[in-house]
Amino acid sequence: MRHPLLDERAMINPPTKPCTAFEGHRLLLSGPLAEVALAVRRSAETKAAETILVFDDGTGRIVDLDLRGTDAEIVERLSRPAPTVVGRHRPRADAPSEAVPDEAEGPKGRGRPKLGVIAREVTLLPRQWDWLSAQPGGASATLRRLVDDARRTTNPRQQKRAAQETAYHFMQAIAGDLPGYEEATRALFADDRPVLEERIADWPKDVRAYVLRLAFGPADHANSN
């Protein structure tokens, strides 16, 4: 069940999301999604390009782009709000009202910055929605506070696992036919960096650099060529 107050405006693919484009096994561009999308479009128009894939730096997954129309139209599509999904949850008649606006829904004063709130479907039990609705600021503000608190207390093991998953998604999409792929994935999840570097030593340098960047952090991107 989705709470109606979670239907804030959301971007399908925020133009500022950090992404990286590969033309075959060659790095085309890393940067905000809008810039990467336009670079992909120009590359495809100016030459018989190899397959170009765009990856989300935060997840390692492929980003699907619609590159029809002008540059302005492409950027506008990336900024378009996601369609609102009507939720089925209805609070009890005696449930506390969320009359107090939270920081994303308050009155918009002159010069008020946009907070970039992103809507996602959240499924909870009715008693959990009742508890959220009774919290100061309402369900949306409470969920954001809970997420921020959880992020601050995330342990290193969880962070490491997330980085490994991100690198794996990229490797799976682009390096599945490269030599040593299976051994490289095992080394990745074993957190055995020396063996991973050995297994990918013969891979194209841009692919190798991006794998290490996703798995171990941006500092390694410059040192892996």
C-alpha atoms as a PDB file:
ATOM      1  CA  MET A   1       0.000   0.000   0.000  1.00  0.00           C
ATOM      2  CA  ARG A   2       1.357   3.384  -0.978  1.00  0.00           C
ATOM      3  CA  HIS A   3       0.713   6.452   1.108  1.00  0.00           C
ATOM      4  CA  PRO A   4      -0.755   9.365  -0.913  1.00  0.00           C
ATOM      5  CA  LEU A   5       1.628  11.868   0.671  1.00  0.00           C
ATOM      6  CA  LEU A   6       4.593  10.087  -0.921  1.00  0.00           C
ATOM      7  CA  ASP A   7       3.522  11.194  -4.403  1.00  0.00           C
ATOM      8  CA  GLU A   8       5.968  14.090  -4.600  1.00  0.00           C
ATOM      9  CA  ARG A   9       7.181  15.074  -8.059  1.00  0.00           C
ATOM     10  CA  ALA A  10      10.059  12.920  -9.185  1.00  0.00           C
ATOM     11  CA  MET A  11      12.436  12.850 -12.100  1.00  0.00           C
ATOM     12  CA  ILE A  12      12.676   9.660 -14.130  1.00  0.00           C
ATOM     13  CA  ASN A  13      16.414  10.141 -14.594  1.00  0.00           C
ATOM     14  CA  PRO A  14      17.685  13.319 -12.890  1.00  0.00           C
ATOM     15  CA  PRO A  15      19.914  15.268 -15.322  1.00  0.00           C
ATOM     16  CA  THR A  16      22.597  15.693 -12.627  1.00  0.00           C
ATOM     17  CA  LYS A  17      22.888  11.981 -11.801  1.00  0.00           C
ATOM     18  CA  PRO A  18      26.573  10.918 -12.182  1.00  0.00           C
ATOM     19  CA  CYS A  19      26.897   8.515 -15.093  1.00  0.00           C
ATOM     20  CA  THR A  20      29.540   7.073 -17.390  1.00  0.00           C
ATOM     21  CA  ALA A  21      29.225   6.205 -21.086  1.00  0.00           C
ATOM     22  CA  PHE A  22      31.248   3.529 -22.854  1.00  0.00           C
ATOM     23  CA  GLU A  23      31.620   3.233 -26.611  1.00  0.00           C
ATOM     24  CA  GLY A  24      32.439  -0.425 -26.887  1.00  0.00           C
ATOM     25  CA  HIS A  25      35.184  -0.840 -24.293  1.00  0.00           C
ATOM     26  CA  ARG A  26      36.354   2.788 -24.559  1.00  0.00           C
ATOM     27  CA  LEU A  27      35.334   5.454 -22.078  1.00  0.00           C
ATOM     28  CA  LEU A  28      33.329   8.145 -23.826  1.00  0.00           C
ATOM     29  CA  LEU A  29      32.495  10.470 -20.938  1.00  0.00           C
ATOM     30  CA  SER A  30      31.873  10.546 -17.193  1.00  0.00           C
ATOM     31  CA  GLY A  31      29.721  13.321 -15.768  1.00  0.00           C
ATOM     32  CA  PRO A  32      26.137  14.467 -15.144  1.00  0.00           C
ATOM     33  CA  LEU A  33      23.602  12.414 -17.072  1.00  0.00           C
ATOM     34  CA  ALA A  34      22.475  15.337 -19.233  1.00  0.00           C
ATOM     35  CA  GLU A  35      26.026  15.969 -20.469  1.00  0.00           C
ATOM     36  CA  VAL A  36      26.639  12.267 -21.014  1.00  0.00           C
ATOM     37  CA  ALA A  37      23.389  11.870 -22.961  1.00  0.00           C
ATOM     38  CA  LEU A  38      24.271  14.720 -25.330  1.00  0.00           C
ATOM     39  CA  ALA A  39      27.790  13.320 -25.826  1.00  0.00           C
ATOM     40  CA  VAL A  40      26.299   9.939 -26.700  1.00  0.00           C
ATOM     41  CA  ARG A  41      23.977  11.564 -29.203  1.00  0.00           C
ATOM     42  CA  ARG A  42      26.832  13.490 -30.868  1.00  0.00           C
ATOM     43  CA  SER A  43      29.019  10.401 -31.039  1.00  0.00           C
ATOM     44  CA  ALA A  44      26.252   8.374 -32.640  1.00  0.00           C
ATOM     45  CA  GLU A  45      25.601  11.105 -35.214  1.00  0.00           C
ATOM     46  CA  THR A  46      29.185  11.787 -36.270  1.00  0.00           C
ATOM     47  CA  LYS A  47      30.438   8.253 -36.887  1.00  0.00           C
ATOM     48  CA  ALA A  48      29.480   4.632 -37.206  1.00  0.00           C
ATOM     49  CA  ALA A  49      29.893   4.100 -33.499  1.00  0.00           C
ATOM     50  CA  GLU A  50      30.175   0.862 -31.626  1.00  0.00           C
ATOM     51  CA  THR A  51      27.428   0.020 -29.191  1.00  0.00           C
ATOM     52  CA  ILE A  52      27.260   2.779 -26.583  1.00  0.00           C
ATOM     53  CA  LEU A  53      26.156   1.946 -23.052  1.00  0.00           C
ATOM     54  CA  VAL A  54      25.501   4.465 -20.280  1.00  0.00           C
ATOM     55  CA  PHE A  55      25.977   3.342 -16.680  1.00  0.00           C
ATOM     56  CA  ASP A  56      24.677   4.826 -13.442  1.00  0.00           C
ATOM     57  CA  ASP A  57      27.768   5.440 -11.272  1.00  0.00           C
ATOM     58  CA  GLY A  58      25.715   4.758  -8.151  1.00  0.00           C
ATOM     59  CA  THR A  59      24.413   1.320  -9.166  1.00  0.00           C
ATOM     60  CA  GLY A  60      26.496   0.117 -12.100  1.00  0.00           C
ATOM     61  CA  ARG A  61      23.301  -0.526 -14.037  1.00  0.00           C
ATOM     62  CA  ILE A  62      22.558   0.561 -17.597  1.00  0.00           C
ATOM     63  CA  VAL A  63      20.566   3.771 -18.038  1.00  0.00           C
ATOM     64  CA  ASP A  64      18.086   3.725 -20.916  1.00  0.00           C
ATOM     65  CA  LEU A  65      17.976   7.011 -22.820  1.00  0.00           C
ATOM     66  CA  ASP A  66      15.598   8.472 -25.380  1.00  0.00           C
ATOM     67  CA  LEU A  67      17.829  10.531 -27.680  1.00  0.00           C
ATOM     68  CA  ARG A  68      15.205  11.678 -30.154  1.00  0.00           C
ATOM     69  CA  GLY A  69      14.731  15.344 -30.953  1.00  0.00           C
ATOM     70  CA  THR A  70      16.873  18.359 -30.145  1.00  0.00           C
ATOM     71  CA  ASP A  71      19.347  18.723 -27.291  1.00  0.00           C
ATOM     72  CA  ALA A  72      16.783  20.778 -25.392  1.00  0.00           C
ATOM     73  CA  GLU A  73      14.134  18.087 -25.850  1.00  0.00           C
ATOM     74  CA  ILE A  74      16.496  15.370 -24.589  1.00  0.00           C
ATOM     75  CA  VAL A  75      17.319  17.339 -21.443  1.00  0.00           C
ATOM     76  CA  GLU A  76      13.647  18.175 -20.916  1.00  0.00           C
ATOM     77  CA  ARG A  77      12.735  14.480 -20.995  1.00  0.00           C
ATOM     78  CA  LEU A  78      15.382  13.712 -18.382  1.00  0.00           C
ATOM     79  CA  SER A  79      13.829  16.390 -16.147  1.00  0.00           C
ATOM     80  CA  ARG A  80      10.267  15.225 -16.631  1.00  0.00           C
ATOM     81  CA  PRO A  81       8.406  14.191 -13.465  1.00  0.00           C
ATOM     82  CA  ALA A  82       7.633  10.509 -13.152  1.00  0.00           C
ATOM     83  CA  PRO A  83       3.957   9.636 -13.511  1.00  0.00           C
ATOM     84  CA  THR A  84       2.068   9.646 -10.234  1.00  0.00           C
ATOM     85  CA  VAL A  85       0.760   6.269  -9.118  1.00  0.00           C
ATOM     86  CA  VAL A  86      -2.491   6.469  -7.185  1.00  0.00           C
ATOM     87  CA  GLY A  87      -2.137   4.635  -3.897  1.00  0.00           C
ATOM     88  CA  ARG A  88      -4.749   2.378  -2.384  1.00  0.00           C
ATOM     89  CA  HIS A  89      -4.093   3.175   1.274  1.00  0.00           C
ATOM     90  CA  ARG A  90      -6.683   5.308   3.041  1.00  0.00           C
ATOM     91  CA  PRO A  91      -5.913   6.459   6.601  1.00  0.00           C
ATOM     92  CA  ARG A  92      -8.477   5.793   9.273  1.00  0.00           C
ATOM     93  CA  ALA A  93     -11.046   8.527   9.737  1.00  0.00           C
ATOM     94  CA  ASP A  94      -9.680   9.194  13.232  1.00  0.00           C
ATOM     95  CA  ALA A  95      -6.020   9.147  12.140  1.00  0.00           C
ATOM     96  CA  PRO A  96      -4.067  12.350  12.891  1.00  0.00           C
ATOM     97  CA  SER A  97      -3.994  14.746   9.987  1.00  0.00           C
ATOM     98  CA  GLU A  98      -0.703  15.675   8.327  1.00  0.00           C
ATOM     99  CA  ALA A  99      -1.603  19.353   8.345  1.00  0.00           C
ATOM    100  CA  VAL A 100       1.928  20.391   9.335  1.00  0.00           C
ATOM    101  CA  PRO A 101       3.964  20.712   6.120  1.00  0.00           C
ATOM    102  CA  ASP A 102       7.348  19.038   6.024  1.00  0.00           C
ATOM    103  CA  GLU A 103      10.459  20.569   4.504  1.00  0.00           C
ATOM    104  CA  ALA A 104       9.619  19.383   0.978  1.00  0.00           C
ATOM    105  CA  GLU A 105       5.963  20.386   0.997  1.00  0.00           C
ATOM    106  CA  GLY A 106       5.925  23.706   2.847  1.00  0.00           C
ATOM    107  CA  PRO A 107       4.955  27.056   1.409  1.00  0.00           C
ATOM    108  CA  LYS A 108       7.332  28.108  -1.312  1.00  0.00           C
ATOM    109  CA  GLY A 109       8.817  31.465  -0.456  1.00  0.00           C
ATOM    110  CA  ARG A 110      10.696  33.654  -2.860  1.00  0.00           C
ATOM    111  CA  GLY A 111      14.010  32.062  -3.751  1.00  0.00           C
ATOM    112  CA  ARG A 112      13.140  28.768  -2.051  1.00  0.00           C
ATOM    113  CA  PRO A 113      15.501  26.059  -3.384  1.00  0.00           C
ATOM    114  CA  LYS A 114      14.207  22.900  -5.012  1.00  0.00           C
ATOM    115  CA  LEU A 115      15.059  19.894  -2.856  1.00  0.00           C
ATOM    116  CA  GLY A 116      14.993  17.242  -5.585  1.00  0.00           C
ATOM    117  CA  VAL A 117      12.599  14.930  -3.746  1.00  0.00           C
ATOM    118  CA  ILE A 118      12.157  11.609  -5.552  1.00  0.00           C
ATOM    119  CA  ALA A 119       8.986   9.509  -5.251  1.00  0.00           C
ATOM    120  CA  ARG A 120       9.170   5.737  -4.890  1.00  0.00           C
ATOM    121  CA  GLU A 121       6.557   3.157  -3.992  1.00  0.00           C
ATOM    122  CA  VAL A 122       6.652   2.184  -0.316  1.00  0.00           C
ATOM    123  CA  THR A 123       4.745  -0.853   0.998  1.00  0.00           C
ATOM    124  CA  LEU A 124       3.890  -0.959   4.712  1.00  0.00           C
ATOM    125  CA  LEU A 125       1.282  -2.508   6.972  1.00  0.00           C
ATOM    126  CA  PRO A 126      -1.648  -0.317   8.057  1.00  0.00           C
ATOM    127  CA  ARG A 127      -0.363  -0.096  11.627  1.00  0.00           C
ATOM    128  CA  GLN A 128       2.980   1.159  10.275  1.00  0.00           C
ATOM    129  CA  TRP A 129       1.262   3.856   8.190  1.00  0.00           C
ATOM    130  CA  ASP A 130      -0.727   4.842  11.288  1.00  0.00           C
ATOM    131  CA  TRP A 131       2.490   5.263  13.266  1.00  0.00           C
ATOM    132  CA  LEU A 132       4.129   7.284  10.475  1.00  0.00           C
ATOM    133  CA  SER A 133       1.105   9.552  10.131  1.00  0.00           C
ATOM    134  CA  ALA A 134       1.229  10.353  13.853  1.00  0.00           C
ATOM    135  CA  GLN A 135       4.859  11.530  13.739  1.00  0.00           C
ATOM    136  CA  PRO A 136       5.741  15.253  13.726  1.00  0.00           C
ATOM    137  CA  GLY A 137       5.962  16.515  10.146  1.00  0.00           C
ATOM    138  CA  GLY A 138       4.076  13.562   8.688  1.00  0.00           C
ATOM    139  CA  ALA A 139       5.008  10.330   6.914  1.00  0.00           C
ATOM    140  CA  SER A 140       7.304  11.765   4.262  1.00  0.00           C
ATOM    141  CA  ALA A 141       9.462  13.754   6.669  1.00  0.00           C
ATOM    142  CA  THR A 142       9.659  10.832   9.099  1.00  0.00           C
ATOM    143  CA  LEU A 143      10.746   8.403   6.395  1.00  0.00           C
ATOM    144  CA  ARG A 144      13.452  10.795   5.244  1.00  0.00           C
ATOM    145  CA  ARG A 145      14.740  11.133   8.803  1.00  0.00           C
ATOM    146  CA  LEU A 146      14.778   7.354   9.253  1.00  0.00           C
ATOM    147  CA  VAL A 147      16.685   6.892   5.987  1.00  0.00           C
ATOM    148  CA  ASP A 148      19.238   9.568   6.928  1.00  0.00           C
ATOM    149  CA  ASP A 149      19.736   7.974  10.344  1.00  0.00           C
ATOM    150  CA  ALA A 150      20.239   4.564   8.745  1.00  0.00           C
ATOM    151  CA  ARG A 151      22.761   5.976   6.262  1.00  0.00           C
ATOM    152  CA  ARG A 152      24.790   7.505   9.072  1.00  0.00           C
ATOM    153  CA  THR A 153      24.920   4.181  10.901  1.00  0.00           C
ATOM    154  CA  THR A 154      25.605   1.963   7.876  1.00  0.00           C
ATOM    155  CA  ASN A 155      28.485  -0.321   8.747  1.00  0.00           C
ATOM    156  CA  PRO A 156      31.557  -0.699   6.518  1.00  0.00           C
ATOM    157  CA  ARG A 157      30.586  -4.244   5.554  1.00  0.00           C
ATOM    158  CA  GLN A 158      27.309  -3.039   4.048  1.00  0.00           C
ATOM    159  CA  GLN A 159      29.097  -0.248   2.187  1.00  0.00           C
ATOM    160  CA  LYS A 160      31.645  -2.698   0.819  1.00  0.00           C
ATOM    161  CA  ARG A 161      28.934  -5.080  -0.326  1.00  0.00           C
ATOM    162  CA  ALA A 162      27.074  -2.270  -2.082  1.00  0.00           C
ATOM    163  CA  ALA A 163      30.247  -1.253  -3.922  1.00  0.00           C
ATOM    164  CA  GLN A 164      30.858  -4.855  -4.962  1.00  0.00           C
ATOM    165  CA  GLU A 165      27.322  -5.167  -6.308  1.00  0.00           C
ATOM    166  CA  THR A 166      27.735  -1.933  -8.268  1.00  0.00           C
ATOM    167  CA  ALA A 167      30.991  -3.110  -9.854  1.00  0.00           C
ATOM    168  CA  TYR A 168      29.449  -6.501 -10.603  1.00  0.00           C
ATOM    169  CA  HIS A 169      26.481  -4.989 -12.461  1.00  0.00           C
ATOM    170  CA  PHE A 170      28.891  -3.083 -14.701  1.00  0.00           C
ATOM    171  CA  MET A 171      31.122  -6.135 -15.267  1.00  0.00           C
ATOM    172  CA  GLN A 172      28.128  -8.297 -16.098  1.00  0.00           C
ATOM    173  CA  ALA A 173      26.916  -5.836 -18.736  1.00  0.00           C
ATOM    174  CA  ILE A 174      30.187  -5.090 -20.501  1.00  0.00           C
ATOM    175  CA  ALA A 175      32.845  -7.651 -19.589  1.00  0.00           C
ATOM    176  CA  GLY A 176      31.089 -11.003 -19.644  1.00  0.00           C
ATOM    177  CA  ASP A 177      33.081 -12.164 -22.683  1.00  0.00           C
ATOM    178  CA  LEU A 178      36.469 -10.871 -21.502  1.00  0.00           C
ATOM    179  CA  PRO A 179      39.143 -13.337 -20.342  1.00  0.00           C
ATOM    180  CA  GLY A 180      39.138 -14.139 -16.642  1.00  0.00           C
ATOM    181  CA  TYR A 181      35.618 -12.770 -16.076  1.00  0.00           C
ATOM    182  CA  GLU A 182      34.433 -15.560 -13.762  1.00  0.00           C
ATOM    183  CA  GLU A 183      37.635 -15.472 -11.729  1.00  0.00           C
ATOM    184  CA  ALA A 184      37.407 -11.666 -11.538  1.00  0.00           C
ATOM    185  CA  THR A 185      33.883 -11.747 -10.136  1.00  0.00           C
ATOM    186  CA  ARG A 186      34.903 -14.285  -7.503  1.00  0.00           C
ATOM    187  CA  ALA A 187      37.840 -12.104  -6.479  1.00  0.00           C
ATOM    188  CA  LEU A 188      35.561  -9.059  -6.370  1.00  0.00           C
ATOM    189  CA  PHE A 189      33.133 -10.631  -3.908  1.00  0.00           C
ATOM    190  CA  ALA A 190      35.987 -12.137  -1.897  1.00  0.00           C
ATOM    191  CA  ASP A 191      37.321  -8.572  -1.506  1.00  0.00           C
ATOM    192  CA  ASP A 192      40.655  -9.804  -2.846  1.00  0.00           C
ATOM    193  CA  ARG A 193      41.930  -6.766  -4.686  1.00  0.00           C
ATOM    194  CA  PRO A 194      45.334  -8.155  -5.734  1.00  0.00           C
ATOM    195  CA  VAL A 195      43.699 -11.157  -7.404  1.00  0.00           C
ATOM    196  CA  LEU A 196      41.017  -8.973  -9.003  1.00  0.00           C
ATOM    197  CA  GLU A 197      43.651  -6.679 -10.490  1.00  0.00           C
ATOM    198  CA  GLU A 198      45.549  -9.716 -11.769  1.00  0.00           C
ATOM    199  CA  ARG A 199      42.453 -11.200 -13.419  1.00  0.00           C
ATOM    200  CA  ILE A 200      41.511  -7.966 -15.188  1.00  0.00           C
ATOM    201  CA  ALA A 201      45.063  -6.915 -16.111  1.00  0.00           C
ATOM    202  CA  ASP A 202      44.474  -7.761 -19.785  1.00  0.00           C
ATOM    203  CA  TRP A 203      41.106  -6.023 -20.004  1.00  0.00           C
ATOM    204  CA  PRO A 204      40.787  -2.701 -21.881  1.00  0.00           C
ATOM    205  CA  LYS A 205      42.226  -0.004 -19.639  1.00  0.00           C
ATOM    206  CA  ASP A 206      39.020   2.059 -19.424  1.00  0.00           C
ATOM    207  CA  VAL A 207      36.961  -0.959 -18.388  1.00  0.00           C
ATOM    208  CA  ARG A 208      39.607  -1.944 -15.849  1.00  0.00           C
ATOM    209  CA  ALA A 209      39.748   1.561 -14.409  1.00  0.00           C
ATOM    210  CA  TYR A 210      35.971   1.834 -14.033  1.00  0.00           C
ATOM    211  CA  VAL A 211      35.698  -1.558 -12.325  1.00  0.00           C
ATOM    212  CA  LEU A 212      38.266  -0.495  -9.730  1.00  0.00           C
ATOM    213  CA  ARG A 213      36.637   2.905  -9.337  1.00  0.00           C
ATOM    214  CA  LEU A 214      33.250   1.353  -8.595  1.00  0.00           C
ATOM    215  CA  ALA A 215      34.634  -1.359  -6.328  1.00  0.00           C
ATOM    216  CA  PHE A 216      37.169   0.649  -4.329  1.00  0.00           C
ATOM    217  CA  GLY A 217      36.425   4.350  -4.816  1.00  0.00           C
ATOM    218  CA  PRO A 218      37.162   7.262  -7.172  1.00  0.00           C
ATOM    219  CA  ALA A 219      40.801   7.616  -6.046  1.00  0.00           C
ATOM    220  CA  ASP A 220      41.670   4.410  -7.871  1.00  0.00           C
ATOM    221  CA  HIS A 221      40.287   5.652 -11.179  1.00  0.00           C
ATOM    222  CA  ALA A 222      43.389   7.723 -11.860  1.00  0.00           C
ATOM    223  CA  ASN A 223      45.835   5.064 -10.701  1.00  0.00           C
ATOM    224  CA  SER A 224      44.574   2.083 -12.656  1.00  0.00           C
ATOM    225  CA  ASN A 225      45.794   2.901 -16.173  1.00  0.00           C
END
